[in-house]
Amino acid sequence: MKKAWPYIITIAIIILAAIIIFAPTKTSGLPTKPTMFVGEGCPHCKKVEDFVASSGVDKKFSFDIKEVWYNQSNALIMNKVWQHCGLNSASGGMSVPLLWDGQVCYSGDEEIISYLKTKL
């Protein structure tokens, strides 16, 4: 039995290392479900919110809404989405409303409403 302990310990270390290496982790910081970023008082955001309310698209397509002007943690999440989508303030891309569908960014009221109409 004394000779078996080094093998048992080695196998345990290998299993632990495999779990650490292959365990799924959320390191990107990107939302895992569709998310719309808005600013309180933003007229373009209001157009999208009015469309969502009148069309009922939120009953068929589930997404989170995060306010970014007064919520710093939401703004940081939106910044990660911007970076992932290659948007920046120099190109005029960093603005609200912004919809992240989990893979693609849709920016501006017209683009977002067009996308949401495909979900009806």
PDB file of N, CA and C in Angstrom:
ATOM      1  N   MET A   1       0.819  -1.191   0.000  1.00  0.00           N
ATOM      2  CA  MET A   1       0.000   0.000   0.000  1.00  0.00           C
ATOM      3  C   MET A   1       0.861   1.252   0.000  1.00  0.00           C
ATOM      4  N   LYS A   2       2.051   1.195   0.648  1.00  0.00           N
ATOM      5  CA  LYS A   2       2.938   2.351   0.689  1.00  0.00           C
ATOM      6  C   LYS A   2       3.353   2.779  -0.708  1.00  0.00           C
ATOM      7  N   LYS A   3       3.544   1.823  -1.587  1.00  0.00           N
ATOM      8  CA  LYS A   3       3.992   2.141  -2.940  1.00  0.00           C
ATOM      9  C   LYS A   3       2.867   2.729  -3.789  1.00  0.00           C
ATOM     10  N   ALA A   4       1.628   2.565  -3.392  1.00  0.00           N
ATOM     11  CA  ALA A   4       0.489   3.068  -4.169  1.00  0.00           C
ATOM     12  C   ALA A   4       0.253   4.559  -3.941  1.00  0.00           C
ATOM     13  N   TRP A   5       0.659   5.103  -2.794  1.00  0.00           N
ATOM     14  CA  TRP A   5       0.395   6.513  -2.483  1.00  0.00           C
ATOM     15  C   TRP A   5       0.974   7.482  -3.509  1.00  0.00           C
ATOM     16  N   PRO A   6       2.184   7.331  -3.979  1.00  0.00           N
ATOM     17  CA  PRO A   6       2.670   8.275  -4.996  1.00  0.00           C
ATOM     18  C   PRO A   6       1.813   8.266  -6.262  1.00  0.00           C
ATOM     19  N   TYR A   7       1.307   7.098  -6.641  1.00  0.00           N
ATOM     20  CA  TYR A   7       0.450   7.010  -7.828  1.00  0.00           C
ATOM     21  C   TYR A   7      -0.904   7.681  -7.580  1.00  0.00           C
ATOM     22  N   ILE A   8      -1.464   7.459  -6.406  1.00  0.00           N
ATOM     23  CA  ILE A   8      -2.748   8.071  -6.052  1.00  0.00           C
ATOM     24  C   ILE A   8      -2.616   9.594  -6.025  1.00  0.00           C
ATOM     25  N   ILE A   9      -1.557  10.089  -5.417  1.00  0.00           N
ATOM     26  CA  ILE A   9      -1.334  11.540  -5.352  1.00  0.00           C
ATOM     27  C   ILE A   9      -1.119  12.119  -6.753  1.00  0.00           C
ATOM     28  N   THR A  10      -0.360  11.433  -7.582  1.00  0.00           N
ATOM     29  CA  THR A  10      -0.114  11.894  -8.951  1.00  0.00           C
ATOM     30  C   THR A  10      -1.423  11.948  -9.746  1.00  0.00           C
ATOM     31  N   ILE A  11      -2.233  10.934  -9.635  1.00  0.00           N
ATOM     32  CA  ILE A  11      -3.517  10.900 -10.344  1.00  0.00           C
ATOM     33  C   ILE A  11      -4.421  12.019  -9.840  1.00  0.00           C
ATOM     34  N   ALA A  12      -4.453  12.236  -8.536  1.00  0.00           N
ATOM     35  CA  ALA A  12      -5.280  13.312  -7.966  1.00  0.00           C
ATOM     36  C   ALA A  12      -4.828  14.677  -8.481  1.00  0.00           C
ATOM     37  N   ILE A  13      -3.527  14.899  -8.566  1.00  0.00           N
ATOM     38  CA  ILE A  13      -2.995  16.169  -9.084  1.00  0.00           C
ATOM     39  C   ILE A  13      -3.360  16.338 -10.553  1.00  0.00           C
ATOM     40  N   ILE A  14      -3.267  15.292 -11.330  1.00  0.00           N
ATOM     41  CA  ILE A  14      -3.621  15.358 -12.756  1.00  0.00           C
ATOM     42  C   ILE A  14      -5.109  15.676 -12.914  1.00  0.00           C
ATOM     43  N   ILE A  15      -5.967  15.047 -12.136  1.00  0.00           N
ATOM     44  CA  ILE A  15      -7.410  15.304 -12.214  1.00  0.00           C
ATOM     45  C   ILE A  15      -7.705  16.747 -11.812  1.00  0.00           C
ATOM     46  N   LEU A  16      -7.105  17.215 -10.740  1.00  0.00           N
ATOM     47  CA  LEU A  16      -7.304  18.592 -10.290  1.00  0.00           C
ATOM     48  C   LEU A  16      -6.837  19.590 -11.349  1.00  0.00           C
ATOM     49  N   ALA A  17      -5.696  19.346 -11.948  1.00  0.00           N
ATOM     50  CA  ALA A  17      -5.179  20.226 -12.996  1.00  0.00           C
ATOM     51  C   ALA A  17      -6.119  20.246 -14.198  1.00  0.00           C
ATOM     52  N   ALA A  18      -6.643  19.099 -14.571  1.00  0.00           N
ATOM     53  CA  ALA A  18      -7.582  19.030 -15.705  1.00  0.00           C
ATOM     54  C   ALA A  18      -8.848  19.812 -15.408  1.00  0.00           C
ATOM     55  N   ILE A  19      -9.349  19.713 -14.191  1.00  0.00           N
ATOM     56  CA  ILE A  19     -10.549  20.461 -13.807  1.00  0.00           C
ATOM     57  C   ILE A  19     -10.275  21.959 -13.889  1.00  0.00           C
ATOM     58  N   ILE A  20      -9.150  22.399 -13.387  1.00  0.00           N
ATOM     59  CA  ILE A  20      -8.806  23.827 -13.412  1.00  0.00           C
ATOM     60  C   ILE A  20      -8.631  24.310 -14.843  1.00  0.00           C
ATOM     61  N   ILE A  21      -7.972  23.548 -15.669  1.00  0.00           N
ATOM     62  CA  ILE A  21      -7.684  23.970 -17.047  1.00  0.00           C
ATOM     63  C   ILE A  21      -8.941  23.965 -17.907  1.00  0.00           C
ATOM     64  N   PHE A  22      -9.770  22.942 -17.784  1.00  0.00           N
ATOM     65  CA  PHE A  22     -10.901  22.781 -18.686  1.00  0.00           C
ATOM     66  C   PHE A  22     -12.233  23.251 -18.129  1.00  0.00           C
ATOM     67  N   ALA A  23     -12.268  23.731 -16.906  1.00  0.00           N
ATOM     68  CA  ALA A  23     -13.526  24.226 -16.339  1.00  0.00           C
ATOM     69  C   ALA A  23     -13.936  25.506 -17.054  1.00  0.00           C
ATOM     70  N   PRO A  24     -15.222  25.619 -17.404  1.00  0.00           N
ATOM     71  CA  PRO A  24     -15.667  26.837 -18.080  1.00  0.00           C
ATOM     72  C   PRO A  24     -15.615  28.021 -17.130  1.00  0.00           C
ATOM     73  N   THR A  25     -15.105  29.123 -17.639  1.00  0.00           N
ATOM     74  CA  THR A  25     -15.040  30.345 -16.841  1.00  0.00           C
ATOM     75  C   THR A  25     -15.595  31.492 -17.656  1.00  0.00           C
ATOM     76  N   LYS A  26     -16.136  32.471 -16.957  1.00  0.00           N
ATOM     77  CA  LYS A  26     -16.681  33.655 -17.609  1.00  0.00           C
ATOM     78  C   LYS A  26     -15.653  34.766 -17.456  1.00  0.00           C
ATOM     79  N   THR A  27     -14.703  34.826 -18.368  1.00  0.00           N
ATOM     80  CA  THR A  27     -13.632  35.804 -18.249  1.00  0.00           C
ATOM     81  C   THR A  27     -13.826  37.004 -19.149  1.00  0.00           C
ATOM     82  N   SER A  28     -14.709  36.916 -20.129  1.00  0.00           N
ATOM     83  CA  SER A  28     -14.844  38.006 -21.086  1.00  0.00           C
ATOM     84  C   SER A  28     -15.540  39.211 -20.489  1.00  0.00           C
ATOM     85  N   GLY A  29     -16.431  39.002 -19.547  1.00  0.00           N
ATOM     86  CA  GLY A  29     -17.185  40.100 -18.973  1.00  0.00           C
ATOM     87  C   GLY A  29     -18.330  40.571 -19.851  1.00  0.00           C
ATOM     88  N   LEU A  30     -18.535  39.905 -20.992  1.00  0.00           N
ATOM     89  CA  LEU A  30     -19.632  40.260 -21.884  1.00  0.00           C
ATOM     90  C   LEU A  30     -20.928  39.635 -21.369  1.00  0.00           C
ATOM     91  N   PRO A  31     -22.051  40.311 -21.575  1.00  0.00           N
ATOM     92  CA  PRO A  31     -23.327  39.717 -21.162  1.00  0.00           C
ATOM     93  C   PRO A  31     -23.551  38.391 -21.875  1.00  0.00           C
ATOM     94  N   THR A  32     -24.143  37.456 -21.167  1.00  0.00           N
ATOM     95  CA  THR A  32     -24.392  36.145 -21.752  1.00  0.00           C
ATOM     96  C   THR A  32     -25.750  36.066 -22.434  1.00  0.00           C
ATOM     97  N   LYS A  33     -26.603  37.064 -22.196  1.00  0.00           N
ATOM     98  CA  LYS A  33     -27.891  37.099 -22.886  1.00  0.00           C
ATOM     99  C   LYS A  33     -28.025  38.453 -23.575  1.00  0.00           C
ATOM    100  N   PRO A  34     -28.910  38.551 -24.567  1.00  0.00           N
ATOM    101  CA  PRO A  34     -29.076  39.820 -25.269  1.00  0.00           C
ATOM    102  C   PRO A  34     -29.342  40.971 -24.288  1.00  0.00           C
ATOM    103  N   THR A  35     -28.693  42.095 -24.542  1.00  0.00           N
ATOM    104  CA  THR A  35     -28.772  43.240 -23.643  1.00  0.00           C
ATOM    105  C   THR A  35     -28.857  44.524 -24.444  1.00  0.00           C
ATOM    106  N   MET A  36     -29.777  45.401 -24.041  1.00  0.00           N
ATOM    107  CA  MET A  36     -29.862  46.723 -24.644  1.00  0.00           C
ATOM    108  C   MET A  36     -29.381  47.743 -23.616  1.00  0.00           C
ATOM    109  N   PHE A  37     -28.456  48.582 -24.051  1.00  0.00           N
ATOM    110  CA  PHE A  37     -27.909  49.632 -23.213  1.00  0.00           C
ATOM    111  C   PHE A  37     -28.583  50.940 -23.589  1.00  0.00           C
ATOM    112  N   VAL A  38     -29.094  51.644 -22.581  1.00  0.00           N
ATOM    113  CA  VAL A  38     -29.810  52.895 -22.807  1.00  0.00           C
ATOM    114  C   VAL A  38     -29.310  53.953 -21.830  1.00  0.00           C
ATOM    115  N   GLY A  39     -29.661  55.204 -22.134  1.00  0.00           N
ATOM    116  CA  GLY A  39     -29.368  56.305 -21.241  1.00  0.00           C
ATOM    117  C   GLY A  39     -30.671  56.970 -20.838  1.00  0.00           C
ATOM    118  N   GLU A  40     -30.808  57.254 -19.552  1.00  0.00           N
ATOM    119  CA  GLU A  40     -32.023  57.902 -19.069  1.00  0.00           C
ATOM    120  C   GLU A  40     -32.160  59.284 -19.712  1.00  0.00           C
ATOM    121  N   GLY A  41     -33.300  59.520 -20.351  1.00  0.00           N
ATOM    122  CA  GLY A  41     -33.541  60.796 -21.017  1.00  0.00           C
ATOM    123  C   GLY A  41     -33.077  60.835 -22.467  1.00  0.00           C
ATOM    124  N   CYS A  42     -32.514  59.764 -22.970  1.00  0.00           N
ATOM    125  CA  CYS A  42     -32.024  59.702 -24.352  1.00  0.00           C
ATOM    126  C   CYS A  42     -33.221  59.577 -25.303  1.00  0.00           C
ATOM    127  N   PRO A  43     -33.385  60.520 -26.252  1.00  0.00           N
ATOM    128  CA  PRO A  43     -34.544  60.460 -27.152  1.00  0.00           C
ATOM    129  C   PRO A  43     -34.517  59.258 -28.102  1.00  0.00           C
ATOM    130  N   HIS A  44     -33.333  58.831 -28.522  1.00  0.00           N
ATOM    131  CA  HIS A  44     -33.235  57.659 -29.403  1.00  0.00           C
ATOM    132  C   HIS A  44     -33.578  56.378 -28.635  1.00  0.00           C
ATOM    133  N   CYS A  45     -33.169  56.333 -27.379  1.00  0.00           N
ATOM    134  CA  CYS A  45     -33.513  55.188 -26.526  1.00  0.00           C
ATOM    135  C   CYS A  45     -35.026  55.130 -26.327  1.00  0.00           C
ATOM    136  N   LYS A  46     -35.645  56.275 -26.150  1.00  0.00           N
ATOM    137  CA  LYS A  46     -37.099  56.357 -25.967  1.00  0.00           C
ATOM    138  C   LYS A  46     -37.821  55.800 -27.179  1.00  0.00           C
ATOM    139  N   LYS A  47     -37.321  56.085 -28.393  1.00  0.00           N
ATOM    140  CA  LYS A  47     -37.945  55.543 -29.602  1.00  0.00           C
ATOM    141  C   LYS A  47     -37.923  54.011 -29.579  1.00  0.00           C
ATOM    142  N   VAL A  48     -36.784  53.453 -29.184  1.00  0.00           N
ATOM    143  CA  VAL A  48     -36.676  51.989 -29.122  1.00  0.00           C
ATOM    144  C   VAL A  48     -37.582  51.449 -28.019  1.00  0.00           C
ATOM    145  N   GLU A  49     -37.575  52.080 -26.864  1.00  0.00           N
ATOM    146  CA  GLU A  49     -38.416  51.624 -25.759  1.00  0.00           C
ATOM    147  C   GLU A  49     -39.896  51.706 -26.134  1.00  0.00           C
ATOM    148  N   ASP A  50     -40.297  52.775 -26.843  1.00  0.00           N
ATOM    149  CA  ASP A  50     -41.688  52.898 -27.298  1.00  0.00           C
ATOM    150  C   ASP A  50     -42.035  51.786 -28.284  1.00  0.00           C
ATOM    151  N   PHE A  51     -41.105  51.460 -29.191  1.00  0.00           N
ATOM    152  CA  PHE A  51     -41.336  50.366 -30.138  1.00  0.00           C
ATOM    153  C   PHE A  51     -41.507  49.048 -29.399  1.00  0.00           C
ATOM    154  N   VAL A  52     -40.649  48.800 -28.426  1.00  0.00           N
ATOM    155  CA  VAL A  52     -40.730  47.550 -27.653  1.00  0.00           C
ATOM    156  C   VAL A  52     -42.088  47.471 -26.963  1.00  0.00           C
ATOM    157  N   ALA A  53     -42.516  48.576 -26.350  1.00  0.00           N
ATOM    158  CA  ALA A  53     -43.793  48.581 -25.633  1.00  0.00           C
ATOM    159  C   ALA A  53     -44.983  48.384 -26.575  1.00  0.00           C
ATOM    160  N   SER A  54     -44.965  49.035 -27.735  1.00  0.00           N
ATOM    161  CA  SER A  54     -46.111  48.959 -28.644  1.00  0.00           C
ATOM    162  C   SER A  54     -46.150  47.658 -29.449  1.00  0.00           C
ATOM    163  N   SER A  55     -44.999  47.088 -29.724  1.00  0.00           N
ATOM    164  CA  SER A  55     -44.955  45.886 -30.564  1.00  0.00           C
ATOM    165  C   SER A  55     -45.049  44.594 -29.768  1.00  0.00           C
ATOM    166  N   GLY A  56     -44.676  44.644 -28.495  1.00  0.00           N
ATOM    167  CA  GLY A  56     -44.655  43.436 -27.679  1.00  0.00           C
ATOM    168  C   GLY A  56     -43.502  42.505 -28.016  1.00  0.00           C
ATOM    169  N   VAL A  57     -42.487  43.025 -28.691  1.00  0.00           N
ATOM    170  CA  VAL A  57     -41.352  42.189 -29.088  1.00  0.00           C
ATOM    171  C   VAL A  57     -40.665  41.565 -27.873  1.00  0.00           C
ATOM    172  N   ASP A  58     -40.739  42.242 -26.725  1.00  0.00           N
ATOM    173  CA  ASP A  58     -40.101  41.706 -25.521  1.00  0.00           C
ATOM    174  C   ASP A  58     -40.784  40.436 -25.012  1.00  0.00           C
ATOM    175  N   LYS A  59     -41.976  40.148 -25.520  1.00  0.00           N
ATOM    176  CA  LYS A  59     -42.669  38.892 -25.150  1.00  0.00           C
ATOM    177  C   LYS A  59     -42.147  37.717 -25.979  1.00  0.00           C
ATOM    178  N   LYS A  60     -41.567  38.032 -27.150  1.00  0.00           N
ATOM    179  CA  LYS A  60     -41.074  36.989 -28.050  1.00  0.00           C
ATOM    180  C   LYS A  60     -39.554  36.878 -28.047  1.00  0.00           C
ATOM    181  N   PHE A  61     -38.887  37.959 -27.669  1.00  0.00           N
ATOM    182  CA  PHE A  61     -37.426  38.019 -27.676  1.00  0.00           C
ATOM    183  C   PHE A  61     -36.991  38.611 -26.344  1.00  0.00           C
ATOM    184  N   SER A  62     -36.400  37.789 -25.523  1.00  0.00           N
ATOM    185  CA  SER A  62     -36.017  38.209 -24.178  1.00  0.00           C
ATOM    186  C   SER A  62     -34.655  38.912 -24.186  1.00  0.00           C
ATOM    187  N   PHE A  63     -34.596  40.077 -23.552  1.00  0.00           N
ATOM    188  CA  PHE A  63     -33.330  40.798 -23.425  1.00  0.00           C
ATOM    189  C   PHE A  63     -33.365  41.664 -22.174  1.00  0.00           C
ATOM    190  N   ASP A  64     -32.185  41.914 -21.640  1.00  0.00           N
ATOM    191  CA  ASP A  64     -32.042  42.797 -20.494  1.00  0.00           C
ATOM    192  C   ASP A  64     -31.917  44.229 -20.987  1.00  0.00           C
ATOM    193  N   ILE A  65     -32.313  45.170 -20.144  1.00  0.00           N
ATOM    194  CA  ILE A  65     -32.107  46.592 -20.429  1.00  0.00           C
ATOM    195  C   ILE A  65     -31.252  47.148 -19.306  1.00  0.00           C
ATOM    196  N   LYS A  66     -30.141  47.782 -19.684  1.00  0.00           N
ATOM    197  CA  LYS A  66     -29.221  48.348 -18.695  1.00  0.00           C
ATOM    198  C   LYS A  66     -29.027  49.839 -18.965  1.00  0.00           C
ATOM    199  N   GLU A  67     -29.294  50.654 -17.954  1.00  0.00           N
ATOM    200  CA  GLU A  67     -29.084  52.094 -18.040  1.00  0.00           C
ATOM    201  C   GLU A  67     -27.614  52.373 -17.755  1.00  0.00           C
ATOM    202  N   VAL A  68     -26.977  53.198 -18.601  1.00  0.00           N
ATOM    203  CA  VAL A  68     -25.530  53.387 -18.489  1.00  0.00           C
ATOM    204  C   VAL A  68     -25.103  54.793 -18.084  1.00  0.00           C
ATOM    205  N   TRP A  69     -25.962  55.778 -18.172  1.00  0.00           N
ATOM    206  CA  TRP A  69     -25.547  57.143 -17.837  1.00  0.00           C
ATOM    207  C   TRP A  69     -25.392  57.347 -16.339  1.00  0.00           C
ATOM    208  N   TYR A  70     -26.231  56.681 -15.544  1.00  0.00           N
ATOM    209  CA  TYR A  70     -26.198  56.855 -14.094  1.00  0.00           C
ATOM    210  C   TYR A  70     -25.776  55.595 -13.355  1.00  0.00           C
ATOM    211  N   ASN A  71     -25.411  54.566 -14.092  1.00  0.00           N
ATOM    212  CA  ASN A  71     -25.007  53.308 -13.471  1.00  0.00           C
ATOM    213  C   ASN A  71     -23.620  52.929 -13.996  1.00  0.00           C
ATOM    214  N   GLN A  72     -22.613  53.159 -13.180  1.00  0.00           N
ATOM    215  CA  GLN A  72     -21.215  52.951 -13.587  1.00  0.00           C
ATOM    216  C   GLN A  72     -20.919  51.491 -13.927  1.00  0.00           C
ATOM    217  N   SER A  73     -21.481  50.546 -13.182  1.00  0.00           N
ATOM    218  CA  SER A  73     -21.180  49.138 -13.482  1.00  0.00           C
ATOM    219  C   SER A  73     -21.774  48.738 -14.832  1.00  0.00           C
ATOM    220  N   ASN A  74     -22.964  49.241 -15.162  1.00  0.00           N
ATOM    221  CA  ASN A  74     -23.539  48.974 -16.485  1.00  0.00           C
ATOM    222  C   ASN A  74     -22.705  49.627 -17.583  1.00  0.00           C
ATOM    223  N   ALA A  75     -22.193  50.824 -17.305  1.00  0.00           N
ATOM    224  CA  ALA A  75     -21.346  51.516 -18.292  1.00  0.00           C
ATOM    225  C   ALA A  75     -20.070  50.722 -18.567  1.00  0.00           C
ATOM    226  N   LEU A  76     -19.512  50.100 -17.544  1.00  0.00           N
ATOM    227  CA  LEU A  76     -18.314  49.283 -17.734  1.00  0.00           C
ATOM    228  C   LEU A  76     -18.615  48.051 -18.589  1.00  0.00           C
ATOM    229  N   ILE A  77     -19.782  47.458 -18.375  1.00  0.00           N
ATOM    230  CA  ILE A  77     -20.182  46.307 -19.194  1.00  0.00           C
ATOM    231  C   ILE A  77     -20.351  46.749 -20.645  1.00  0.00           C
ATOM    232  N   MET A  78     -21.011  47.908 -20.836  1.00  0.00           N
ATOM    233  CA  MET A  78     -21.205  48.415 -22.195  1.00  0.00           C
ATOM    234  C   MET A  78     -19.863  48.696 -22.858  1.00  0.00           C
ATOM    235  N   ASN A  79     -18.907  49.192 -22.105  1.00  0.00           N
ATOM    236  CA  ASN A  79     -17.575  49.466 -22.653  1.00  0.00           C
ATOM    237  C   ASN A  79     -16.937  48.172 -23.173  1.00  0.00           C
ATOM    238  N   LYS A  80     -17.113  47.073 -22.451  1.00  0.00           N
ATOM    239  CA  LYS A  80     -16.576  45.782 -22.912  1.00  0.00           C
ATOM    240  C   LYS A  80     -17.261  45.346 -24.205  1.00  0.00           C
ATOM    241  N   VAL A  81     -18.564  45.582 -24.298  1.00  0.00           N
ATOM    242  CA  VAL A  81     -19.294  45.242 -25.518  1.00  0.00           C
ATOM    243  C   VAL A  81     -18.781  46.103 -26.673  1.00  0.00           C
ATOM    244  N   TRP A  82     -18.616  47.408 -26.433  1.00  0.00           N
ATOM    245  CA  TRP A  82     -18.072  48.307 -27.463  1.00  0.00           C
ATOM    246  C   TRP A  82     -16.749  47.781 -27.987  1.00  0.00           C
ATOM    247  N   GLN A  83     -15.852  47.457 -27.055  1.00  0.00           N
ATOM    248  CA  GLN A  83     -14.527  46.972 -27.445  1.00  0.00           C
ATOM    249  C   GLN A  83     -14.644  45.683 -28.255  1.00  0.00           C
ATOM    250  N   HIS A  84     -15.502  44.774 -27.821  1.00  0.00           N
ATOM    251  CA  HIS A  84     -15.667  43.507 -28.529  1.00  0.00           C
ATOM    252  C   HIS A  84     -16.171  43.738 -29.953  1.00  0.00           C
ATOM    253  N   CYS A  85     -17.041  44.717 -30.113  1.00  0.00           N
ATOM    254  CA  CYS A  85     -17.623  45.002 -31.435  1.00  0.00           C
ATOM    255  C   CYS A  85     -16.748  45.944 -32.264  1.00  0.00           C
ATOM    256  N   GLY A  86     -15.637  46.404 -31.707  1.00  0.00           N
ATOM    257  CA  GLY A  86     -14.742  47.287 -32.446  1.00  0.00           C
ATOM    258  C   GLY A  86     -15.243  48.716 -32.554  1.00  0.00           C
ATOM    259  N   LEU A  87     -16.131  49.109 -31.652  1.00  0.00           N
ATOM    260  CA  LEU A  87     -16.635  50.479 -31.655  1.00  0.00           C
ATOM    261  C   LEU A  87     -15.740  51.346 -30.788  1.00  0.00           C
ATOM    262  N   ASN A  88     -15.661  52.619 -31.129  1.00  0.00           N
ATOM    263  CA  ASN A  88     -14.910  53.560 -30.304  1.00  0.00           C
ATOM    264  C   ASN A  88     -15.480  54.955 -30.477  1.00  0.00           C
ATOM    265  N   SER A  89     -15.116  55.852 -29.576  1.00  0.00           N
ATOM    266  CA  SER A  89     -15.685  57.203 -29.612  1.00  0.00           C
ATOM    267  C   SER A  89     -15.208  57.981 -30.828  1.00  0.00           C
ATOM    268  N   ALA A  90     -14.026  57.702 -31.347  1.00  0.00           N
ATOM    269  CA  ALA A  90     -13.517  58.418 -32.517  1.00  0.00           C
ATOM    270  C   ALA A  90     -14.370  58.144 -33.754  1.00  0.00           C
ATOM    271  N   SER A  91     -14.917  56.941 -33.856  1.00  0.00           N
ATOM    272  CA  SER A  91     -15.744  56.594 -35.013  1.00  0.00           C
ATOM    273  C   SER A  91     -17.207  56.942 -34.785  1.00  0.00           C
ATOM    274  N   GLY A  92     -17.511  57.503 -33.620  1.00  0.00           N
ATOM    275  CA  GLY A  92     -18.889  57.833 -33.303  1.00  0.00           C
ATOM    276  C   GLY A  92     -19.706  56.621 -32.897  1.00  0.00           C
ATOM    277  N   GLY A  93     -19.043  55.503 -32.649  1.00  0.00           N
ATOM    278  CA  GLY A  93     -19.752  54.269 -32.350  1.00  0.00           C
ATOM    279  C   GLY A  93     -20.199  54.111 -30.921  1.00  0.00           C
ATOM    280  N   MET A  94     -19.589  54.835 -30.000  1.00  0.00           N
ATOM    281  CA  MET A  94     -19.912  54.650 -28.589  1.00  0.00           C
ATOM    282  C   MET A  94     -21.088  55.552 -28.214  1.00  0.00           C
ATOM    283  N   SER A  95     -22.276  55.029 -28.392  1.00  0.00           N
ATOM    284  CA  SER A  95     -23.470  55.804 -28.080  1.00  0.00           C
ATOM    285  C   SER A  95     -24.592  54.857 -27.690  1.00  0.00           C
ATOM    286  N   VAL A  96     -25.647  55.438 -27.157  1.00  0.00           N
ATOM    287  CA  VAL A  96     -26.841  54.663 -26.832  1.00  0.00           C
ATOM    288  C   VAL A  96     -27.953  55.116 -27.750  1.00  0.00           C
ATOM    289  N   PRO A  97     -28.882  54.258 -28.048  1.00  0.00           N
ATOM    290  CA  PRO A  97     -29.006  52.881 -27.589  1.00  0.00           C
ATOM    291  C   PRO A  97     -28.062  51.950 -28.328  1.00  0.00           C
ATOM    292  N   LEU A  98     -27.713  50.878 -27.642  1.00  0.00           N
ATOM    293  CA  LEU A  98     -26.865  49.841 -28.215  1.00  0.00           C
ATOM    294  C   LEU A  98     -27.469  48.500 -27.809  1.00  0.00           C
ATOM    295  N   LEU A  99     -27.676  47.632 -28.764  1.00  0.00           N
ATOM    296  CA  LEU A  99     -28.205  46.296 -28.480  1.00  0.00           C
ATOM    297  C   LEU A  99     -27.140  45.268 -28.804  1.00  0.00           C
ATOM    298  N   TRP A 100     -26.836  44.425 -27.839  1.00  0.00           N
ATOM    299  CA  TRP A 100     -25.889  43.312 -27.975  1.00  0.00           C
ATOM    300  C   TRP A 100     -26.719  42.035 -27.988  1.00  0.00           C
ATOM    301  N   ASP A 101     -26.691  41.303 -29.087  1.00  0.00           N
ATOM    302  CA  ASP A 101     -27.510  40.079 -29.168  1.00  0.00           C
ATOM    303  C   ASP A 101     -26.752  38.837 -28.703  1.00  0.00           C
ATOM    304  N   GLY A 102     -25.569  39.033 -28.200  1.00  0.00           N
ATOM    305  CA  GLY A 102     -24.738  37.919 -27.754  1.00  0.00           C
ATOM    306  C   GLY A 102     -23.584  37.656 -28.697  1.00  0.00           C
ATOM    307  N   GLN A 103     -23.673  38.241 -29.916  1.00  0.00           N
ATOM    308  CA  GLN A 103     -22.604  38.089 -30.902  1.00  0.00           C
ATOM    309  C   GLN A 103     -22.355  39.374 -31.685  1.00  0.00           C
ATOM    310  N   VAL A 104     -23.418  40.139 -31.930  1.00  0.00           N
ATOM    311  CA  VAL A 104     -23.349  41.311 -32.799  1.00  0.00           C
ATOM    312  C   VAL A 104     -23.910  42.521 -32.071  1.00  0.00           C
ATOM    313  N   CYS A 105     -23.352  43.693 -32.369  1.00  0.00           N
ATOM    314  CA  CYS A 105     -23.860  44.953 -31.833  1.00  0.00           C
ATOM    315  C   CYS A 105     -24.755  45.634 -32.861  1.00  0.00           C
ATOM    316  N   TYR A 106     -25.854  46.185 -32.387  1.00  0.00           N
ATOM    317  CA  TYR A 106     -26.748  47.009 -33.202  1.00  0.00           C
ATOM    318  C   TYR A 106     -26.816  48.362 -32.521  1.00  0.00           C
ATOM    319  N   SER A 107     -26.498  49.416 -33.264  1.00  0.00           N
ATOM    320  CA  SER A 107     -26.376  50.735 -32.676  1.00  0.00           C
ATOM    321  C   SER A 107     -27.363  51.709 -33.303  1.00  0.00           C
ATOM    322  N   GLY A 108     -27.987  52.518 -32.467  1.00  0.00           N
ATOM    323  CA  GLY A 108     -28.925  53.524 -32.952  1.00  0.00           C
ATOM    324  C   GLY A 108     -30.340  52.992 -33.017  1.00  0.00           C
ATOM    325  N   ASP A 109     -31.291  53.912 -32.910  1.00  0.00           N
ATOM    326  CA  ASP A 109     -32.690  53.497 -32.851  1.00  0.00           C
ATOM    327  C   ASP A 109     -33.156  52.779 -34.112  1.00  0.00           C
ATOM    328  N   GLU A 110     -32.790  53.266 -35.279  1.00  0.00           N
ATOM    329  CA  GLU A 110     -33.266  52.644 -36.520  1.00  0.00           C
ATOM    330  C   GLU A 110     -32.726  51.230 -36.700  1.00  0.00           C
ATOM    331  N   GLU A 111     -31.434  51.057 -36.458  1.00  0.00           N
ATOM    332  CA  GLU A 111     -30.829  49.724 -36.618  1.00  0.00           C
ATOM    333  C   GLU A 111     -31.399  48.733 -35.604  1.00  0.00           C
ATOM    334  N   ILE A 112     -31.598  49.195 -34.379  1.00  0.00           N
ATOM    335  CA  ILE A 112     -32.124  48.306 -33.338  1.00  0.00           C
ATOM    336  C   ILE A 112     -33.576  47.935 -33.634  1.00  0.00           C
ATOM    337  N   ILE A 113     -34.378  48.919 -34.019  1.00  0.00           N
ATOM    338  CA  ILE A 113     -35.778  48.627 -34.337  1.00  0.00           C
ATOM    339  C   ILE A 113     -35.877  47.678 -35.517  1.00  0.00           C
ATOM    340  N   SER A 114     -35.050  47.871 -36.541  1.00  0.00           N
ATOM    341  CA  SER A 114     -35.043  46.941 -37.687  1.00  0.00           C
ATOM    342  C   SER A 114     -34.711  45.531 -37.236  1.00  0.00           C
ATOM    343  N   TYR A 115     -33.726  45.392 -36.363  1.00  0.00           N
ATOM    344  CA  TYR A 115     -33.354  44.081 -35.846  1.00  0.00           C
ATOM    345  C   TYR A 115     -34.503  43.477 -35.043  1.00  0.00           C
ATOM    346  N   LEU A 116     -35.097  44.275 -34.160  1.00  0.00           N
ATOM    347  CA  LEU A 116     -36.180  43.766 -33.319  1.00  0.00           C
ATOM    348  C   LEU A 116     -37.390  43.346 -34.137  1.00  0.00           C
ATOM    349  N   LYS A 117     -37.632  44.005 -35.252  1.00  0.00           N
ATOM    350  CA  LYS A 117     -38.766  43.613 -36.115  1.00  0.00           C
ATOM    351  C   LYS A 117     -38.574  42.196 -36.652  1.00  0.00           C
ATOM    352  N   THR A 118     -37.323  41.772 -36.816  1.00  0.00           N
ATOM    353  CA  THR A 118     -37.073  40.404 -37.288  1.00  0.00           C
ATOM    354  C   THR A 118     -37.427  39.366 -36.229  1.00  0.00           C
ATOM    355  N   LYS A 119     -37.603  39.804 -34.991  1.00  0.00           N
ATOM    356  CA  LYS A 119     -37.921  38.895 -33.887  1.00  0.00           C
ATOM    357  C   LYS A 119     -39.421  38.757 -33.664  1.00  0.00           C
ATOM    358  N   LEU A 120     -40.208  39.532 -34.397  1.00  0.00           N
ATOM    359  CA  LEU A 120     -41.678  39.477 -34.235  1.00  0.00           C
ATOM    360  C   LEU A 120     -42.264  38.281 -34.965  1.00  0.00           C
TER     361      LEU A 120
END
